[in-house]
Amino acid sequence: MSYIARRGLSTLIPPKIASPSAIGGAQDAVRMQRVVNFYEKLPRGPAPKRQPKGVLEWYQHRYMGENPSAMPLLHLIGGITLLGYSFTYYFHLRHHKNNAH
């Protein structure tokens, strides 16, 4: 068997399983039992849903969660409109409050 063919086969079989000593008696039975015990203690089933903890997480959960909506886009448009009006008022309209142009 050529070197390339052996190397191709060796990557398919993990080395611990393919070794002759692993075929014999259970030398690592205690270690394997610890692994089994660890996995038996892990919770089963789907993970519980996380509750949002902050304002940003709440907003993200409400509008971008399981059923996303277009409300964040409308909120962005409204926020930009309010910000633009406040800039316009501060830099221009407040000077015309009592005096006509």
PDB file of N, CA and C in Angstrom:
ATOM      1  N   MET A   1       0.845  -1.168   0.000  1.00  0.00           N
ATOM      2  CA  MET A   1       0.000   0.000   0.000  1.00  0.00           C
ATOM      3  C   MET A   1       0.895   1.237   0.000  1.00  0.00           C
ATOM      4  N   SER A   2       0.558   2.179  -0.831  1.00  0.00           N
ATOM      5  CA  SER A   2       1.409   3.358  -0.931  1.00  0.00           C
ATOM      6  C   SER A   2       1.195   4.273   0.275  1.00  0.00           C
ATOM      7  N   TYR A   3       2.136   5.180   0.412  1.00  0.00           N
ATOM      8  CA  TYR A   3       2.089   6.123   1.538  1.00  0.00           C
ATOM      9  C   TYR A   3       0.852   7.005   1.457  1.00  0.00           C
ATOM     10  N   ILE A   4       0.493   7.463   0.265  1.00  0.00           N
ATOM     11  CA  ILE A   4      -0.661   8.357   0.097  1.00  0.00           C
ATOM     12  C   ILE A   4      -1.957   7.637   0.448  1.00  0.00           C
ATOM     13  N   ALA A   5      -2.098   6.389   0.054  1.00  0.00           N
ATOM     14  CA  ALA A   5      -3.311   5.635   0.366  1.00  0.00           C
ATOM     15  C   ALA A   5      -3.413   5.385   1.867  1.00  0.00           C
ATOM     16  N   ARG A   6      -2.298   5.045   2.515  1.00  0.00           N
ATOM     17  CA  ARG A   6      -2.330   4.830   3.963  1.00  0.00           C
ATOM     18  C   ARG A   6      -2.677   6.111   4.695  1.00  0.00           C
ATOM     19  N   ARG A   7      -2.123   7.218   4.238  1.00  0.00           N
ATOM     20  CA  ARG A   7      -2.414   8.501   4.883  1.00  0.00           C
ATOM     21  C   ARG A   7      -3.894   8.865   4.695  1.00  0.00           C
ATOM     22  N   GLY A   8      -4.448   8.565   3.543  1.00  0.00           N
ATOM     23  CA  GLY A   8      -5.860   8.829   3.294  1.00  0.00           C
ATOM     24  C   GLY A   8      -6.759   8.012   4.197  1.00  0.00           C
ATOM     25  N   LEU A   9      -6.398   6.773   4.443  1.00  0.00           N
ATOM     26  CA  LEU A   9      -7.196   5.919   5.326  1.00  0.00           C
ATOM     27  C   LEU A   9      -7.006   6.293   6.789  1.00  0.00           C
ATOM     28  N   SER A  10      -5.809   6.734   7.147  1.00  0.00           N
ATOM     29  CA  SER A  10      -5.553   7.037   8.545  1.00  0.00           C
ATOM     30  C   SER A  10      -6.342   8.250   9.011  1.00  0.00           C
ATOM     31  N   THR A  11      -6.703   9.149   8.103  1.00  0.00           N
ATOM     32  CA  THR A  11      -7.471  10.307   8.532  1.00  0.00           C
ATOM     33  C   THR A  11      -8.932   9.959   8.769  1.00  0.00           C
ATOM     34  N   LEU A  12      -9.402   8.841   8.238  1.00  0.00           N
ATOM     35  CA  LEU A  12     -10.791   8.447   8.436  1.00  0.00           C
ATOM     36  C   LEU A  12     -11.027   7.784   9.785  1.00  0.00           C
ATOM     37  N   ILE A  13     -10.007   7.121  10.316  1.00  0.00           N
ATOM     38  CA  ILE A  13     -10.143   6.379  11.565  1.00  0.00           C
ATOM     39  C   ILE A  13      -9.368   7.127  12.653  1.00  0.00           C
ATOM     40  N   PRO A  14     -10.045   7.554  13.739  1.00  0.00           N
ATOM     41  CA  PRO A  14      -9.327   8.238  14.810  1.00  0.00           C
ATOM     42  C   PRO A  14      -8.259   7.326  15.412  1.00  0.00           C
ATOM     43  N   PRO A  15      -7.119   7.868  15.810  1.00  0.00           N
ATOM     44  CA  PRO A  15      -6.004   7.039  16.300  1.00  0.00           C
ATOM     45  C   PRO A  15      -6.314   6.261  17.573  1.00  0.00           C
ATOM     46  N   LYS A  16      -7.111   6.789  18.473  1.00  0.00           N
ATOM     47  CA  LYS A  16      -7.405   6.073  19.722  1.00  0.00           C
ATOM     48  C   LYS A  16      -8.246   4.830  19.454  1.00  0.00           C
ATOM     49  N   ILE A  17      -9.147   4.906  18.485  1.00  0.00           N
ATOM     50  CA  ILE A  17      -9.997   3.757  18.184  1.00  0.00           C
ATOM     51  C   ILE A  17      -9.228   2.722  17.374  1.00  0.00           C
ATOM     52  N   ALA A  18      -8.350   3.186  16.513  1.00  0.00           N
ATOM     53  CA  ALA A  18      -7.631   2.285  15.614  1.00  0.00           C
ATOM     54  C   ALA A  18      -6.468   1.571  16.290  1.00  0.00           C
ATOM     55  N   SER A  19      -6.074   1.988  17.486  1.00  0.00           N
ATOM     56  CA  SER A  19      -4.928   1.351  18.132  1.00  0.00           C
ATOM     57  C   SER A  19      -5.318  -0.030  18.659  1.00  0.00           C
ATOM     58  N   PRO A  20      -4.409  -0.993  18.604  1.00  0.00           N
ATOM     59  CA  PRO A  20      -4.719  -2.344  19.074  1.00  0.00           C
ATOM     60  C   PRO A  20      -5.016  -2.412  20.573  1.00  0.00           C
ATOM     61  N   SER A  21      -4.433  -1.510  21.360  1.00  0.00           N
ATOM     62  CA  SER A  21      -4.682  -1.565  22.807  1.00  0.00           C
ATOM     63  C   SER A  21      -6.116  -1.148  23.142  1.00  0.00           C
ATOM     64  N   ALA A  22      -6.744  -0.352  22.286  1.00  0.00           N
ATOM     65  CA  ALA A  22      -8.117   0.084  22.550  1.00  0.00           C
ATOM     66  C   ALA A  22      -9.118  -1.031  22.290  1.00  0.00           C
ATOM     67  N   ILE A  23      -8.721  -2.019  21.518  1.00  0.00           N
ATOM     68  CA  ILE A  23      -9.621  -3.126  21.201  1.00  0.00           C
ATOM     69  C   ILE A  23      -9.744  -4.074  22.387  1.00  0.00           C
ATOM     70  N   GLY A  24      -8.728  -4.155  23.205  1.00  0.00           N
ATOM     71  CA  GLY A  24      -8.701  -5.086  24.329  1.00  0.00           C
ATOM     72  C   GLY A  24      -9.622  -4.681  25.460  1.00  0.00           C
ATOM     73  N   GLY A  25      -9.210  -4.906  26.699  1.00  0.00           N
ATOM     74  CA  GLY A  25     -10.011  -4.619  27.886  1.00  0.00           C
ATOM     75  C   GLY A  25     -10.220  -3.128  28.086  1.00  0.00           C
ATOM     76  N   ALA A  26     -11.128  -2.805  28.965  1.00  0.00           N
ATOM     77  CA  ALA A  26     -11.466  -1.409  29.242  1.00  0.00           C
ATOM     78  C   ALA A  26     -10.467  -0.822  30.226  1.00  0.00           C
ATOM     79  N   GLN A  27      -9.383  -0.276  29.709  1.00  0.00           N
ATOM     80  CA  GLN A  27      -8.359   0.307  30.581  1.00  0.00           C
ATOM     81  C   GLN A  27      -8.796   1.673  31.094  1.00  0.00           C
ATOM     82  N   ASP A  28      -9.581   2.377  30.317  1.00  0.00           N
ATOM     83  CA  ASP A  28     -10.010   3.722  30.697  1.00  0.00           C
ATOM     84  C   ASP A  28     -11.471   3.741  31.140  1.00  0.00           C
ATOM     85  N   ALA A  29     -11.930   2.672  31.759  1.00  0.00           N
ATOM     86  CA  ALA A  29     -13.344   2.577  32.136  1.00  0.00           C
ATOM     87  C   ALA A  29     -13.720   3.637  33.161  1.00  0.00           C
ATOM     88  N   VAL A  30     -12.841   3.938  34.102  1.00  0.00           N
ATOM     89  CA  VAL A  30     -13.145   4.932  35.133  1.00  0.00           C
ATOM     90  C   VAL A  30     -13.255   6.312  34.503  1.00  0.00           C
ATOM     91  N   ARG A  31     -12.325   6.616  33.621  1.00  0.00           N
ATOM     92  CA  ARG A  31     -12.358   7.913  32.953  1.00  0.00           C
ATOM     93  C   ARG A  31     -13.605   8.039  32.083  1.00  0.00           C
ATOM     94  N   MET A  32     -13.942   6.971  31.398  1.00  0.00           N
ATOM     95  CA  MET A  32     -15.136   6.994  30.553  1.00  0.00           C
ATOM     96  C   MET A  32     -16.392   7.121  31.402  1.00  0.00           C
ATOM     97  N   GLN A  33     -16.414   6.526  32.569  1.00  0.00           N
ATOM     98  CA  GLN A  33     -17.561   6.645  33.462  1.00  0.00           C
ATOM     99  C   GLN A  33     -17.727   8.078  33.946  1.00  0.00           C
ATOM    100  N   ARG A  34     -16.621   8.770  34.190  1.00  0.00           N
ATOM    101  CA  ARG A  34     -16.696  10.182  34.585  1.00  0.00           C
ATOM    102  C   ARG A  34     -17.287  11.025  33.461  1.00  0.00           C
ATOM    103  N   VAL A  35     -16.907  10.732  32.233  1.00  0.00           N
ATOM    104  CA  VAL A  35     -17.460  11.455  31.084  1.00  0.00           C
ATOM    105  C   VAL A  35     -18.959  11.188  30.965  1.00  0.00           C
ATOM    106  N   VAL A  36     -19.359   9.931  31.125  1.00  0.00           N
ATOM    107  CA  VAL A  36     -20.779   9.580  31.045  1.00  0.00           C
ATOM    108  C   VAL A  36     -21.554  10.273  32.153  1.00  0.00           C
ATOM    109  N   ASN A  37     -21.015  10.286  33.369  1.00  0.00           N
ATOM    110  CA  ASN A  37     -21.687  10.960  34.483  1.00  0.00           C
ATOM    111  C   ASN A  37     -21.839  12.449  34.220  1.00  0.00           C
ATOM    112  N   PHE A  38     -20.814  13.058  33.639  1.00  0.00           N
ATOM    113  CA  PHE A  38     -20.886  14.483  33.320  1.00  0.00           C
ATOM    114  C   PHE A  38     -22.018  14.756  32.342  1.00  0.00           C
ATOM    115  N   TYR A  39     -22.097  13.961  31.273  1.00  0.00           N
ATOM    116  CA  TYR A  39     -23.138  14.184  30.277  1.00  0.00           C
ATOM    117  C   TYR A  39     -24.528  13.819  30.784  1.00  0.00           C
ATOM    118  N   GLU A  40     -24.627  12.910  31.757  1.00  0.00           N
ATOM    119  CA  GLU A  40     -25.932  12.585  32.337  1.00  0.00           C
ATOM    120  C   GLU A  40     -26.484  13.752  33.151  1.00  0.00           C
ATOM    121  N   LYS A  41     -25.602  14.560  33.742  1.00  0.00           N
ATOM    122  CA  LYS A  41     -26.042  15.668  34.589  1.00  0.00           C
ATOM    123  C   LYS A  41     -26.446  16.900  33.789  1.00  0.00           C
ATOM    124  N   LEU A  42     -26.095  16.963  32.516  1.00  0.00           N
ATOM    125  CA  LEU A  42     -26.454  18.123  31.700  1.00  0.00           C
ATOM    126  C   LEU A  42     -27.962  18.172  31.483  1.00  0.00           C
ATOM    127  N   PRO A  43     -28.544  19.375  31.433  1.00  0.00           N
ATOM    128  CA  PRO A  43     -29.994  19.482  31.228  1.00  0.00           C
ATOM    129  C   PRO A  43     -30.393  19.022  29.829  1.00  0.00           C
ATOM    130  N   ARG A  44     -31.570  18.465  29.736  1.00  0.00           N
ATOM    131  CA  ARG A  44     -32.075  17.981  28.444  1.00  0.00           C
ATOM    132  C   ARG A  44     -33.151  18.920  27.929  1.00  0.00           C
ATOM    133  N   GLY A  45     -33.393  18.849  26.650  1.00  0.00           N
ATOM    134  CA  GLY A  45     -34.437  19.649  26.039  1.00  0.00           C
ATOM    135  C   GLY A  45     -33.922  21.004  25.600  1.00  0.00           C
ATOM    136  N   PRO A  46     -34.828  21.810  25.075  1.00  0.00           N
ATOM    137  CA  PRO A  46     -34.408  23.133  24.602  1.00  0.00           C
ATOM    138  C   PRO A  46     -34.058  24.050  25.766  1.00  0.00           C
ATOM    139  N   ALA A  47     -33.166  24.970  25.507  1.00  0.00           N
ATOM    140  CA  ALA A  47     -32.757  25.930  26.532  1.00  0.00           C
ATOM    141  C   ALA A  47     -33.907  26.898  26.809  1.00  0.00           C
ATOM    142  N   PRO A  48     -34.048  27.344  28.052  1.00  0.00           N
ATOM    143  CA  PRO A  48     -35.110  28.313  28.349  1.00  0.00           C
ATOM    144  C   PRO A  48     -34.838  29.639  27.646  1.00  0.00           C
ATOM    145  N   LYS A  49     -35.918  30.341  27.300  1.00  0.00           N
ATOM    146  CA  LYS A  49     -35.765  31.620  26.601  1.00  0.00           C
ATOM    147  C   LYS A  49     -35.222  32.659  27.554  1.00  0.00           C
ATOM    148  N   ARG A  50     -34.257  33.437  27.053  1.00  0.00           N
ATOM    149  CA  ARG A  50     -33.664  34.503  27.860  1.00  0.00           C
ATOM    150  C   ARG A  50     -34.588  35.706  27.889  1.00  0.00           C
ATOM    151  N   GLN A  51     -34.751  36.280  29.050  1.00  0.00           N
ATOM    152  CA  GLN A  51     -35.544  37.497  29.182  1.00  0.00           C
ATOM    153  C   GLN A  51     -34.628  38.696  28.955  1.00  0.00           C
ATOM    154  N   PRO A  52     -35.093  39.709  28.214  1.00  0.00           N
ATOM    155  CA  PRO A  52     -34.259  40.902  27.997  1.00  0.00           C
ATOM    156  C   PRO A  52     -34.017  41.638  29.306  1.00  0.00           C
ATOM    157  N   LYS A  53     -32.796  42.143  29.483  1.00  0.00           N
ATOM    158  CA  LYS A  53     -32.432  42.761  30.753  1.00  0.00           C
ATOM    159  C   LYS A  53     -32.330  44.275  30.684  1.00  0.00           C
ATOM    160  N   GLY A  54     -32.054  44.833  29.534  1.00  0.00           N
ATOM    161  CA  GLY A  54     -31.906  46.279  29.421  1.00  0.00           C
ATOM    162  C   GLY A  54     -32.871  46.843  28.401  1.00  0.00           C
ATOM    163  N   VAL A  55     -32.805  48.157  28.233  1.00  0.00           N
ATOM    164  CA  VAL A  55     -33.693  48.830  27.291  1.00  0.00           C
ATOM    165  C   VAL A  55     -33.380  48.402  25.869  1.00  0.00           C
ATOM    166  N   LEU A  56     -32.099  48.338  25.521  1.00  0.00           N
ATOM    167  CA  LEU A  56     -31.715  47.943  24.168  1.00  0.00           C
ATOM    168  C   LEU A  56     -32.096  46.492  23.880  1.00  0.00           C
ATOM    169  N   GLU A  57     -31.872  45.612  24.825  1.00  0.00           N
ATOM    170  CA  GLU A  57     -32.249  44.208  24.645  1.00  0.00           C
ATOM    171  C   GLU A  57     -33.771  44.063  24.543  1.00  0.00           C
ATOM    172  N   TRP A  58     -34.513  44.837  25.338  1.00  0.00           N
ATOM    173  CA  TRP A  58     -35.969  44.790  25.267  1.00  0.00           C
ATOM    174  C   TRP A  58     -36.451  45.229  23.894  1.00  0.00           C
ATOM    175  N   TYR A  59     -35.886  46.353  23.393  1.00  0.00           N
ATOM    176  CA  TYR A  59     -36.277  46.863  22.079  1.00  0.00           C
ATOM    177  C   TYR A  59     -35.943  45.852  20.987  1.00  0.00           C
ATOM    178  N   GLN A  60     -34.771  45.279  21.068  1.00  0.00           N
ATOM    179  CA  GLN A  60     -34.349  44.283  20.077  1.00  0.00           C
ATOM    180  C   GLN A  60     -35.250  43.052  20.137  1.00  0.00           C
ATOM    181  N   HIS A  61     -35.594  42.611  21.321  1.00  0.00           N
ATOM    182  CA  HIS A  61     -36.459  41.441  21.477  1.00  0.00           C
ATOM    183  C   HIS A  61     -37.865  41.730  20.954  1.00  0.00           C
ATOM    184  N   ARG A  62     -38.369  42.928  21.210  1.00  0.00           N
ATOM    185  CA  ARG A  62     -39.729  43.269  20.813  1.00  0.00           C
ATOM    186  C   ARG A  62     -39.885  43.465  19.305  1.00  0.00           C
ATOM    187  N   TYR A  63     -38.962  44.188  18.690  1.00  0.00           N
ATOM    188  CA  TYR A  63     -39.129  44.547  17.284  1.00  0.00           C
ATOM    189  C   TYR A  63     -38.286  43.725  16.318  1.00  0.00           C
ATOM    190  N   MET A  64     -37.245  43.055  16.799  1.00  0.00           N
ATOM    191  CA  MET A  64     -36.381  42.298  15.893  1.00  0.00           C
ATOM    192  C   MET A  64     -36.272  40.836  16.303  1.00  0.00           C
ATOM    193  N   GLY A  65     -37.155  40.359  17.147  1.00  0.00           N
ATOM    194  CA  GLY A  65     -37.075  39.003  17.678  1.00  0.00           C
ATOM    195  C   GLY A  65     -37.631  37.968  16.727  1.00  0.00           C
ATOM    196  N   GLU A  66     -38.600  37.200  17.199  1.00  0.00           N
ATOM    197  CA  GLU A  66     -39.142  36.089  16.424  1.00  0.00           C
ATOM    198  C   GLU A  66     -39.915  36.562  15.199  1.00  0.00           C
ATOM    199  N   ASN A  67     -40.672  37.644  15.331  1.00  0.00           N
ATOM    200  CA  ASN A  67     -41.417  38.169  14.179  1.00  0.00           C
ATOM    201  C   ASN A  67     -41.020  39.633  13.979  1.00  0.00           C
ATOM    202  N   PRO A  68     -39.958  39.872  13.225  1.00  0.00           N
ATOM    203  CA  PRO A  68     -39.461  41.241  13.039  1.00  0.00           C
ATOM    204  C   PRO A  68     -40.466  42.105  12.273  1.00  0.00           C
ATOM    205  N   SER A  69     -40.445  43.405  12.568  1.00  0.00           N
ATOM    206  CA  SER A  69     -41.357  44.330  11.910  1.00  0.00           C
ATOM    207  C   SER A  69     -40.567  45.530  11.373  1.00  0.00           C
ATOM    208  N   ALA A  70     -41.279  46.439  10.742  1.00  0.00           N
ATOM    209  CA  ALA A  70     -40.658  47.631  10.164  1.00  0.00           C
ATOM    210  C   ALA A  70     -40.669  48.806  11.135  1.00  0.00           C
ATOM    211  N   MET A  71     -41.102  48.603  12.359  1.00  0.00           N
ATOM    212  CA  MET A  71     -41.184  49.693  13.327  1.00  0.00           C
ATOM    213  C   MET A  71     -39.825  50.349  13.614  1.00  0.00           C
ATOM    214  N   PRO A  72     -38.718  49.613  13.699  1.00  0.00           N
ATOM    215  CA  PRO A  72     -37.440  50.299  13.913  1.00  0.00           C
ATOM    216  C   PRO A  72     -37.118  51.305  12.805  1.00  0.00           C
ATOM    217  N   LEU A  73     -37.511  50.997  11.570  1.00  0.00           N
ATOM    218  CA  LEU A  73     -37.295  51.928  10.470  1.00  0.00           C
ATOM    219  C   LEU A  73     -38.150  53.181  10.667  1.00  0.00           C
ATOM    220  N   LEU A  74     -39.400  53.006  11.076  1.00  0.00           N
ATOM    221  CA  LEU A  74     -40.261  54.162  11.343  1.00  0.00           C
ATOM    222  C   LEU A  74     -39.759  54.969  12.537  1.00  0.00           C
ATOM    223  N   HIS A  75     -39.248  54.302  13.545  1.00  0.00           N
ATOM    224  CA  HIS A  75     -38.671  55.007  14.695  1.00  0.00           C
ATOM    225  C   HIS A  75     -37.447  55.814  14.270  1.00  0.00           C
ATOM    226  N   LEU A  76     -36.634  55.252  13.393  1.00  0.00           N
ATOM    227  CA  LEU A  76     -35.457  55.961  12.896  1.00  0.00           C
ATOM    228  C   LEU A  76     -35.865  57.202  12.102  1.00  0.00           C
ATOM    229  N   ILE A  77     -36.862  57.061  11.237  1.00  0.00           N
ATOM    230  CA  ILE A  77     -37.339  58.206  10.453  1.00  0.00           C
ATOM    231  C   ILE A  77     -37.903  59.282  11.381  1.00  0.00           C
ATOM    232  N   GLY A  78     -38.696  58.891  12.367  1.00  0.00           N
ATOM    233  CA  GLY A  78     -39.246  59.855  13.327  1.00  0.00           C
ATOM    234  C   GLY A  78     -38.152  60.534  14.139  1.00  0.00           C
ATOM    235  N   GLY A  79     -37.143  59.765  14.560  1.00  0.00           N
ATOM    236  CA  GLY A  79     -36.039  60.344  15.328  1.00  0.00           C
ATOM    237  C   GLY A  79     -35.231  61.333  14.518  1.00  0.00           C
ATOM    238  N   ILE A  80     -34.970  61.010  13.260  1.00  0.00           N
ATOM    239  CA  ILE A  80     -34.226  61.933  12.398  1.00  0.00           C
ATOM    240  C   ILE A  80     -35.049  63.199  12.144  1.00  0.00           C
ATOM    241  N   THR A  81     -36.361  63.044  11.984  1.00  0.00           N
ATOM    242  CA  THR A  81     -37.237  64.207  11.787  1.00  0.00           C
ATOM    243  C   THR A  81     -37.206  65.114  13.014  1.00  0.00           C
ATOM    244  N   LEU A  82     -37.342  64.543  14.195  1.00  0.00           N
ATOM    245  CA  LEU A  82     -37.292  65.347  15.417  1.00  0.00           C
ATOM    246  C   LEU A  82     -35.934  66.013  15.606  1.00  0.00           C
ATOM    247  N   LEU A  83     -34.869  65.291  15.333  1.00  0.00           N
ATOM    248  CA  LEU A  83     -33.532  65.852  15.456  1.00  0.00           C
ATOM    249  C   LEU A  83     -33.337  66.990  14.450  1.00  0.00           C
ATOM    250  N   GLY A  84     -33.793  66.787  13.232  1.00  0.00           N
ATOM    251  CA  GLY A  84     -33.668  67.837  12.220  1.00  0.00           C
ATOM    252  C   GLY A  84     -34.470  69.076  12.576  1.00  0.00           C
ATOM    253  N   TYR A  85     -35.683  68.892  13.086  1.00  0.00           N
ATOM    254  CA  TYR A  85     -36.496  70.045  13.477  1.00  0.00           C
ATOM    255  C   TYR A  85     -35.846  70.781  14.649  1.00  0.00           C
ATOM    256  N   SER A  86     -35.293  70.029  15.591  1.00  0.00           N
ATOM    257  CA  SER A  86     -34.658  70.704  16.733  1.00  0.00           C
ATOM    258  C   SER A  86     -33.440  71.505  16.283  1.00  0.00           C
ATOM    259  N   PHE A  87     -32.668  70.999  15.332  1.00  0.00           N
ATOM    260  CA  PHE A  87     -31.544  71.765  14.793  1.00  0.00           C
ATOM    261  C   PHE A  87     -32.034  73.015  14.066  1.00  0.00           C
ATOM    262  N   THR A  88     -33.082  72.850  13.277  1.00  0.00           N
ATOM    263  CA  THR A  88     -33.642  73.989  12.544  1.00  0.00           C
ATOM    264  C   THR A  88     -34.150  75.044  13.513  1.00  0.00           C
ATOM    265  N   TYR A  89     -34.817  74.622  14.558  1.00  0.00           N
ATOM    266  CA  TYR A  89     -35.322  75.565  15.551  1.00  0.00           C
ATOM    267  C   TYR A  89     -34.171  76.285  16.234  1.00  0.00           C
ATOM    268  N   TYR A  90     -33.161  75.539  16.675  1.00  0.00           N
ATOM    269  CA  TYR A  90     -32.064  76.140  17.416  1.00  0.00           C
ATOM    270  C   TYR A  90     -31.272  77.110  16.550  1.00  0.00           C
ATOM    271  N   PHE A  91     -30.969  76.745  15.328  1.00  0.00           N
ATOM    272  CA  PHE A  91     -30.110  77.571  14.500  1.00  0.00           C
ATOM    273  C   PHE A  91     -30.861  78.626  13.691  1.00  0.00           C
ATOM    274  N   HIS A  92     -32.177  78.532  13.547  1.00  0.00           N
ATOM    275  CA  HIS A  92     -32.862  79.494  12.700  1.00  0.00           C
ATOM    276  C   HIS A  92     -34.167  80.011  13.310  1.00  0.00           C
ATOM    277  N   LEU A  93     -35.071  79.123  13.656  1.00  0.00           N
ATOM    278  CA  LEU A  93     -36.415  79.549  14.032  1.00  0.00           C
ATOM    279  C   LEU A  93     -36.471  80.300  15.355  1.00  0.00           C
ATOM    280  N   ARG A  94     -35.620  80.042  16.303  1.00  0.00           N
ATOM    281  CA  ARG A  94     -35.697  80.729  17.586  1.00  0.00           C
ATOM    282  C   ARG A  94     -35.383  82.205  17.453  1.00  0.00           C
ATOM    283  N   HIS A  95     -34.652  82.593  16.414  1.00  0.00           N
ATOM    284  CA  HIS A  95     -34.345  84.006  16.213  1.00  0.00           C
ATOM    285  C   HIS A  95     -35.543  84.762  15.661  1.00  0.00           C
ATOM    286  N   HIS A  96     -36.523  84.041  15.105  1.00  0.00           N
ATOM    287  CA  HIS A  96     -37.700  84.683  14.533  1.00  0.00           C
ATOM    288  C   HIS A  96     -38.924  84.551  15.440  1.00  0.00           C
ATOM    289  N   LYS A  97     -38.710  84.146  16.673  1.00  0.00           N
ATOM    290  CA  LYS A  97     -39.832  83.898  17.580  1.00  0.00           C
ATOM    291  C   LYS A  97     -40.625  85.188  17.834  1.00  0.00           C
ATOM    292  N   ASN A  98     -39.953  86.281  18.125  1.00  0.00           N
ATOM    293  CA  ASN A  98     -40.641  87.531  18.458  1.00  0.00           C
ATOM    294  C   ASN A  98     -40.546  88.587  17.343  1.00  0.00           C
ATOM    295  N   ASN A  99     -39.682  88.387  16.415  1.00  0.00           N
ATOM    296  CA  ASN A  99     -39.491  89.388  15.350  1.00  0.00           C
ATOM    297  C   ASN A  99     -39.805  88.753  14.009  1.00  0.00           C
ATOM    298  N   ALA A 100     -40.621  89.443  13.239  1.00  0.00           N
ATOM    299  CA  ALA A 100     -40.916  88.940  11.905  1.00  0.00           C
ATOM    300  C   ALA A 100     -39.758  89.253  10.972  1.00  0.00           C
ATOM    301  N   HIS A 101     -39.611  88.491   9.966  1.00  0.00           N
ATOM    302  CA  HIS A 101     -38.546  88.689   8.993  1.00  0.00           C
ATOM    303  C   HIS A 101     -38.841  89.887   8.146  1.00  0.00           C
TER     304      HIS A 101
END
